[in-house]
Amino acid sequence: MRNFLKLKKNRSFDYKPRYYKGEGSPFKIEHKLDRYRSTAQNQRGLKNKVTTAFEDLKTEGDRNMKIRFLVIVAVLVLIFLYIIDFDLSIFYTS
């Protein structure tokens, strides 16, 4: 009866990757884009992350990238409208 009340302990293993030759720990999880942000070093807490994200949005980006993005979105919208058989005659009044 005494063993019934005790919980089993999880096993712990000391695993080290054999062929990993990178920097730091291979098990550390970080966002892929955090190292490219301007103030990624002193981000602690959700509020600081949100404020730095808004600051990054305010900075100007590459103009060619914005134009390319708008063209891709426009093409996708036109393809979607073609697929659902959108009719432009609803905008004309006769």
N, C-alpha and C. Protein backbone atom coordinates (compact mmCIF):
# COMPACT_ATOMS: atom_id res chain seq x y z
N MET A 1 0.83 -1.20 0.00
CA MET A 1 0.00 0.00 0.00
C MET A 1 0.86 1.25 0.00
N ARG A 2 2.01 1.17 0.58
CA ARG A 2 2.88 2.33 0.67
C ARG A 2 3.47 2.70 -0.69
N ASN A 3 3.78 1.74 -1.52
CA ASN A 3 4.31 2.02 -2.85
C ASN A 3 3.24 2.57 -3.78
N PHE A 4 2.01 2.32 -3.46
CA PHE A 4 0.91 2.81 -4.29
C PHE A 4 0.80 4.33 -4.25
N LEU A 5 1.15 4.95 -3.13
CA LEU A 5 1.05 6.39 -2.99
C LEU A 5 2.24 7.14 -3.56
N LYS A 6 3.35 6.47 -3.78
CA LYS A 6 4.54 7.13 -4.31
C LYS A 6 4.44 7.22 -5.83
N LEU A 7 4.90 8.36 -6.36
CA LEU A 7 4.92 8.54 -7.80
C LEU A 7 6.26 8.10 -8.36
N LYS A 8 6.24 7.61 -9.58
CA LYS A 8 7.48 7.23 -10.23
C LYS A 8 8.25 8.47 -10.64
N LYS A 9 9.55 8.44 -10.49
CA LYS A 9 10.39 9.55 -10.93
C LYS A 9 10.76 9.34 -12.39
N ASN A 10 10.80 10.45 -13.11
CA ASN A 10 11.21 10.36 -14.51
C ASN A 10 12.69 10.08 -14.61
N ARG A 11 13.04 9.31 -15.62
CA ARG A 11 14.45 9.04 -15.85
C ARG A 11 15.11 10.25 -16.48
N SER A 12 16.33 10.51 -16.14
CA SER A 12 17.06 11.60 -16.76
C SER A 12 18.28 11.02 -17.48
N PHE A 13 18.51 11.51 -18.66
CA PHE A 13 19.62 11.04 -19.47
C PHE A 13 20.56 12.20 -19.75
N ASP A 14 21.82 11.92 -19.82
CA ASP A 14 22.82 12.93 -20.13
C ASP A 14 23.17 12.77 -21.61
N TYR A 15 22.36 13.37 -22.48
CA TYR A 15 22.53 13.23 -23.92
C TYR A 15 23.37 14.37 -24.48
N LYS A 16 24.38 14.04 -25.23
CA LYS A 16 25.19 15.02 -25.93
C LYS A 16 25.21 14.65 -27.41
N PRO A 17 24.83 15.58 -28.29
CA PRO A 17 24.84 15.25 -29.71
C PRO A 17 26.26 14.93 -30.19
N ARG A 18 26.37 13.91 -31.01
CA ARG A 18 27.67 13.43 -31.42
C ARG A 18 28.35 14.34 -32.44
N TYR A 19 27.59 14.82 -33.41
CA TYR A 19 28.18 15.54 -34.54
C TYR A 19 27.88 17.04 -34.53
N TYR A 20 27.37 17.59 -33.46
CA TYR A 20 27.04 19.01 -33.41
C TYR A 20 28.29 19.83 -33.18
N LYS A 21 28.60 20.74 -34.12
CA LYS A 21 29.77 21.59 -33.97
C LYS A 21 29.38 23.05 -34.11
N GLY A 22 28.28 23.45 -33.53
CA GLY A 22 27.81 24.82 -33.62
C GLY A 22 28.14 25.60 -32.37
N GLU A 23 27.66 26.83 -32.34
CA GLU A 23 27.87 27.68 -31.17
C GLU A 23 26.77 27.44 -30.14
N GLY A 24 27.13 27.44 -28.91
CA GLY A 24 26.15 27.34 -27.83
C GLY A 24 25.51 25.97 -27.74
N SER A 25 24.39 25.93 -27.07
CA SER A 25 23.68 24.68 -26.86
C SER A 25 22.73 24.41 -28.03
N PRO A 26 22.71 23.18 -28.55
CA PRO A 26 21.77 22.87 -29.63
C PRO A 26 20.34 22.79 -29.15
N PHE A 27 20.13 22.76 -27.85
CA PHE A 27 18.79 22.62 -27.29
C PHE A 27 18.17 23.96 -26.95
N LYS A 28 18.93 25.04 -27.07
CA LYS A 28 18.39 26.36 -26.74
C LYS A 28 17.41 26.78 -27.83
N ILE A 29 16.23 27.17 -27.42
CA ILE A 29 15.19 27.57 -28.36
C ILE A 29 15.14 29.09 -28.40
N GLU A 30 15.39 29.66 -29.56
CA GLU A 30 15.27 31.10 -29.73
C GLU A 30 14.60 31.36 -31.07
N HIS A 31 13.96 32.49 -31.14
CA HIS A 31 13.28 32.83 -32.38
C HIS A 31 14.32 33.10 -33.46
N LYS A 32 14.04 32.70 -34.67
CA LYS A 32 15.00 32.81 -35.75
C LYS A 32 15.35 34.25 -36.08
N LEU A 33 14.42 35.17 -35.89
CA LEU A 33 14.64 36.55 -36.28
C LEU A 33 15.12 37.43 -35.13
N ASP A 34 15.21 36.90 -33.93
CA ASP A 34 15.61 37.72 -32.78
C ASP A 34 17.02 38.27 -32.93
N ARG A 35 17.91 37.52 -33.55
CA ARG A 35 19.29 38.00 -33.65
C ARG A 35 19.43 39.15 -34.64
N TYR A 36 18.44 39.35 -35.51
CA TYR A 36 18.50 40.44 -36.47
C TYR A 36 17.79 41.70 -35.99
N ARG A 37 17.10 41.62 -34.89
CA ARG A 37 16.41 42.80 -34.36
C ARG A 37 17.43 43.76 -33.75
N SER A 38 17.06 45.03 -33.72
CA SER A 38 18.01 46.03 -33.26
C SER A 38 18.25 45.96 -31.75
N THR A 39 17.23 45.68 -30.97
CA THR A 39 17.38 45.67 -29.51
C THR A 39 17.00 44.31 -28.95
N ALA A 40 17.48 43.25 -29.55
CA ALA A 40 17.12 41.91 -29.10
C ALA A 40 17.84 41.52 -27.82
N GLN A 41 18.92 42.21 -27.46
CA GLN A 41 19.69 41.80 -26.30
C GLN A 41 18.99 42.12 -24.99
N ASN A 42 18.29 43.26 -24.91
CA ASN A 42 17.70 43.66 -23.63
C ASN A 42 16.19 43.48 -23.63
N GLN A 43 15.71 42.42 -24.22
CA GLN A 43 14.28 42.15 -24.20
C GLN A 43 13.97 41.19 -23.06
N ARG A 44 13.25 41.70 -22.09
CA ARG A 44 12.76 40.87 -21.00
C ARG A 44 11.30 41.19 -20.82
N GLY A 45 10.46 40.20 -20.91
CA GLY A 45 9.05 40.40 -20.69
C GLY A 45 8.29 40.70 -21.97
N LEU A 46 6.99 40.52 -21.89
CA LEU A 46 6.12 40.67 -23.04
C LEU A 46 6.01 42.12 -23.49
N LYS A 47 5.96 43.06 -22.55
CA LYS A 47 5.81 44.47 -22.90
C LYS A 47 7.00 44.97 -23.73
N ASN A 48 8.21 44.62 -23.34
CA ASN A 48 9.38 45.05 -24.09
C ASN A 48 9.42 44.42 -25.48
N LYS A 49 8.99 43.18 -25.59
CA LYS A 49 8.98 42.53 -26.90
C LYS A 49 7.98 43.20 -27.83
N VAL A 50 6.81 43.56 -27.29
CA VAL A 50 5.79 44.22 -28.11
C VAL A 50 6.26 45.60 -28.53
N THR A 51 6.86 46.36 -27.64
CA THR A 51 7.31 47.70 -28.00
C THR A 51 8.43 47.65 -29.03
N THR A 52 9.34 46.72 -28.92
CA THR A 52 10.40 46.62 -29.93
C THR A 52 9.85 46.14 -31.27
N ALA A 53 8.82 45.30 -31.24
CA ALA A 53 8.21 44.86 -32.49
C ALA A 53 7.55 46.04 -33.19
N PHE A 54 6.87 46.92 -32.44
CA PHE A 54 6.26 48.10 -33.05
C PHE A 54 7.32 49.07 -33.56
N GLU A 55 8.43 49.19 -32.86
CA GLU A 55 9.52 50.04 -33.34
C GLU A 55 10.11 49.50 -34.64
N ASP A 56 10.22 48.18 -34.74
CA ASP A 56 10.72 47.59 -35.98
C ASP A 56 9.75 47.79 -37.13
N LEU A 57 8.46 47.82 -36.84
CA LEU A 57 7.47 48.06 -37.90
C LEU A 57 7.54 49.49 -38.42
N LYS A 58 7.91 50.42 -37.54
CA LYS A 58 7.94 51.82 -37.94
C LYS A 58 9.11 52.14 -38.85
N THR A 59 10.18 51.36 -38.77
CA THR A 59 11.35 51.64 -39.61
C THR A 59 11.05 51.30 -41.05
N GLU A 60 11.64 52.07 -41.94
CA GLU A 60 11.42 51.86 -43.36
C GLU A 60 12.14 50.60 -43.82
N GLY A 61 11.49 49.87 -44.69
CA GLY A 61 12.08 48.66 -45.23
C GLY A 61 12.50 48.87 -46.68
N ASP A 62 12.78 47.80 -47.34
CA ASP A 62 13.19 47.84 -48.73
C ASP A 62 11.96 48.13 -49.60
N ARG A 63 12.06 49.13 -50.47
CA ARG A 63 10.92 49.52 -51.30
C ARG A 63 10.58 48.44 -52.31
N ASN A 64 11.59 47.80 -52.88
CA ASN A 64 11.34 46.73 -53.85
C ASN A 64 10.60 45.56 -53.21
N MET A 65 10.91 45.28 -51.96
CA MET A 65 10.24 44.19 -51.26
C MET A 65 8.76 44.53 -51.05
N LYS A 66 8.47 45.79 -50.72
CA LYS A 66 7.07 46.19 -50.51
C LYS A 66 6.28 46.10 -51.81
N ILE A 67 6.89 46.55 -52.92
CA ILE A 67 6.20 46.49 -54.21
C ILE A 67 5.97 45.04 -54.62
N ARG A 68 6.97 44.19 -54.41
CA ARG A 68 6.84 42.77 -54.74
C ARG A 68 5.74 42.13 -53.91
N PHE A 69 5.68 42.48 -52.63
CA PHE A 69 4.64 41.94 -51.75
C PHE A 69 3.25 42.36 -52.22
N LEU A 70 3.09 43.63 -52.58
CA LEU A 70 1.78 44.11 -53.05
C LEU A 70 1.37 43.43 -54.36
N VAL A 71 2.31 43.21 -55.25
CA VAL A 71 2.00 42.53 -56.52
C VAL A 71 1.57 41.09 -56.25
N ILE A 72 2.26 40.40 -55.36
CA ILE A 72 1.90 39.02 -55.04
C ILE A 72 0.52 38.95 -54.41
N VAL A 73 0.22 39.89 -53.49
CA VAL A 73 -1.10 39.90 -52.86
C VAL A 73 -2.18 40.19 -53.89
N ALA A 74 -1.93 41.13 -54.81
CA ALA A 74 -2.92 41.46 -55.84
C ALA A 74 -3.18 40.26 -56.74
N VAL A 75 -2.13 39.55 -57.13
CA VAL A 75 -2.30 38.37 -57.99
C VAL A 75 -3.09 37.30 -57.27
N LEU A 76 -2.78 37.08 -56.00
CA LEU A 76 -3.52 36.07 -55.23
C LEU A 76 -4.99 36.44 -55.06
N VAL A 77 -5.28 37.72 -54.87
CA VAL A 77 -6.67 38.16 -54.75
C VAL A 77 -7.40 37.95 -56.08
N LEU A 78 -6.76 38.28 -57.18
CA LEU A 78 -7.40 38.07 -58.49
C LEU A 78 -7.63 36.60 -58.77
N ILE A 79 -6.69 35.75 -58.41
CA ILE A 79 -6.88 34.30 -58.58
C ILE A 79 -8.04 33.82 -57.72
N PHE A 80 -8.13 34.32 -56.49
CA PHE A 80 -9.23 33.94 -55.61
C PHE A 80 -10.57 34.38 -56.19
N LEU A 81 -10.62 35.61 -56.70
CA LEU A 81 -11.88 36.10 -57.28
C LEU A 81 -12.25 35.31 -58.53
N TYR A 82 -11.27 34.88 -59.31
CA TYR A 82 -11.54 34.06 -60.49
C TYR A 82 -12.07 32.69 -60.09
N ILE A 83 -11.51 32.13 -59.03
CA ILE A 83 -11.94 30.80 -58.58
C ILE A 83 -13.38 30.84 -58.08
N ILE A 84 -13.75 31.87 -57.35
CA ILE A 84 -15.12 31.92 -56.82
C ILE A 84 -16.09 32.50 -57.84
N ASP A 85 -15.59 32.80 -59.05
CA ASP A 85 -16.41 33.31 -60.16
C ASP A 85 -17.11 34.61 -59.77
N PHE A 86 -16.30 35.57 -59.35
CA PHE A 86 -16.79 36.88 -58.94
C PHE A 86 -17.27 37.65 -60.16
N ASP A 87 -18.43 38.25 -60.06
CA ASP A 87 -19.03 38.97 -61.18
C ASP A 87 -18.99 40.48 -60.89
N LEU A 88 -18.39 41.25 -61.80
CA LEU A 88 -18.28 42.69 -61.62
C LEU A 88 -19.56 43.43 -61.97
N SER A 89 -20.55 42.74 -62.49
CA SER A 89 -21.78 43.41 -62.91
C SER A 89 -22.59 43.91 -61.71
N ILE A 90 -22.27 43.51 -60.50
CA ILE A 90 -23.02 43.99 -59.34
C ILE A 90 -22.69 45.45 -59.07
N PHE A 91 -21.57 45.96 -59.58
CA PHE A 91 -21.20 47.35 -59.37
C PHE A 91 -21.80 48.28 -60.39
N TYR A 92 -22.30 47.76 -61.49
CA TYR A 92 -22.90 48.59 -62.54
C TYR A 92 -24.40 48.72 -62.30
N THR A 93 -24.88 49.94 -62.38
CA THR A 93 -26.33 50.14 -62.25
C THR A 93 -26.88 50.53 -63.61
N SER A 94 -27.93 49.90 -64.02
CA SER A 94 -28.51 50.26 -65.32
C SER A 94 -29.93 50.72 -65.17
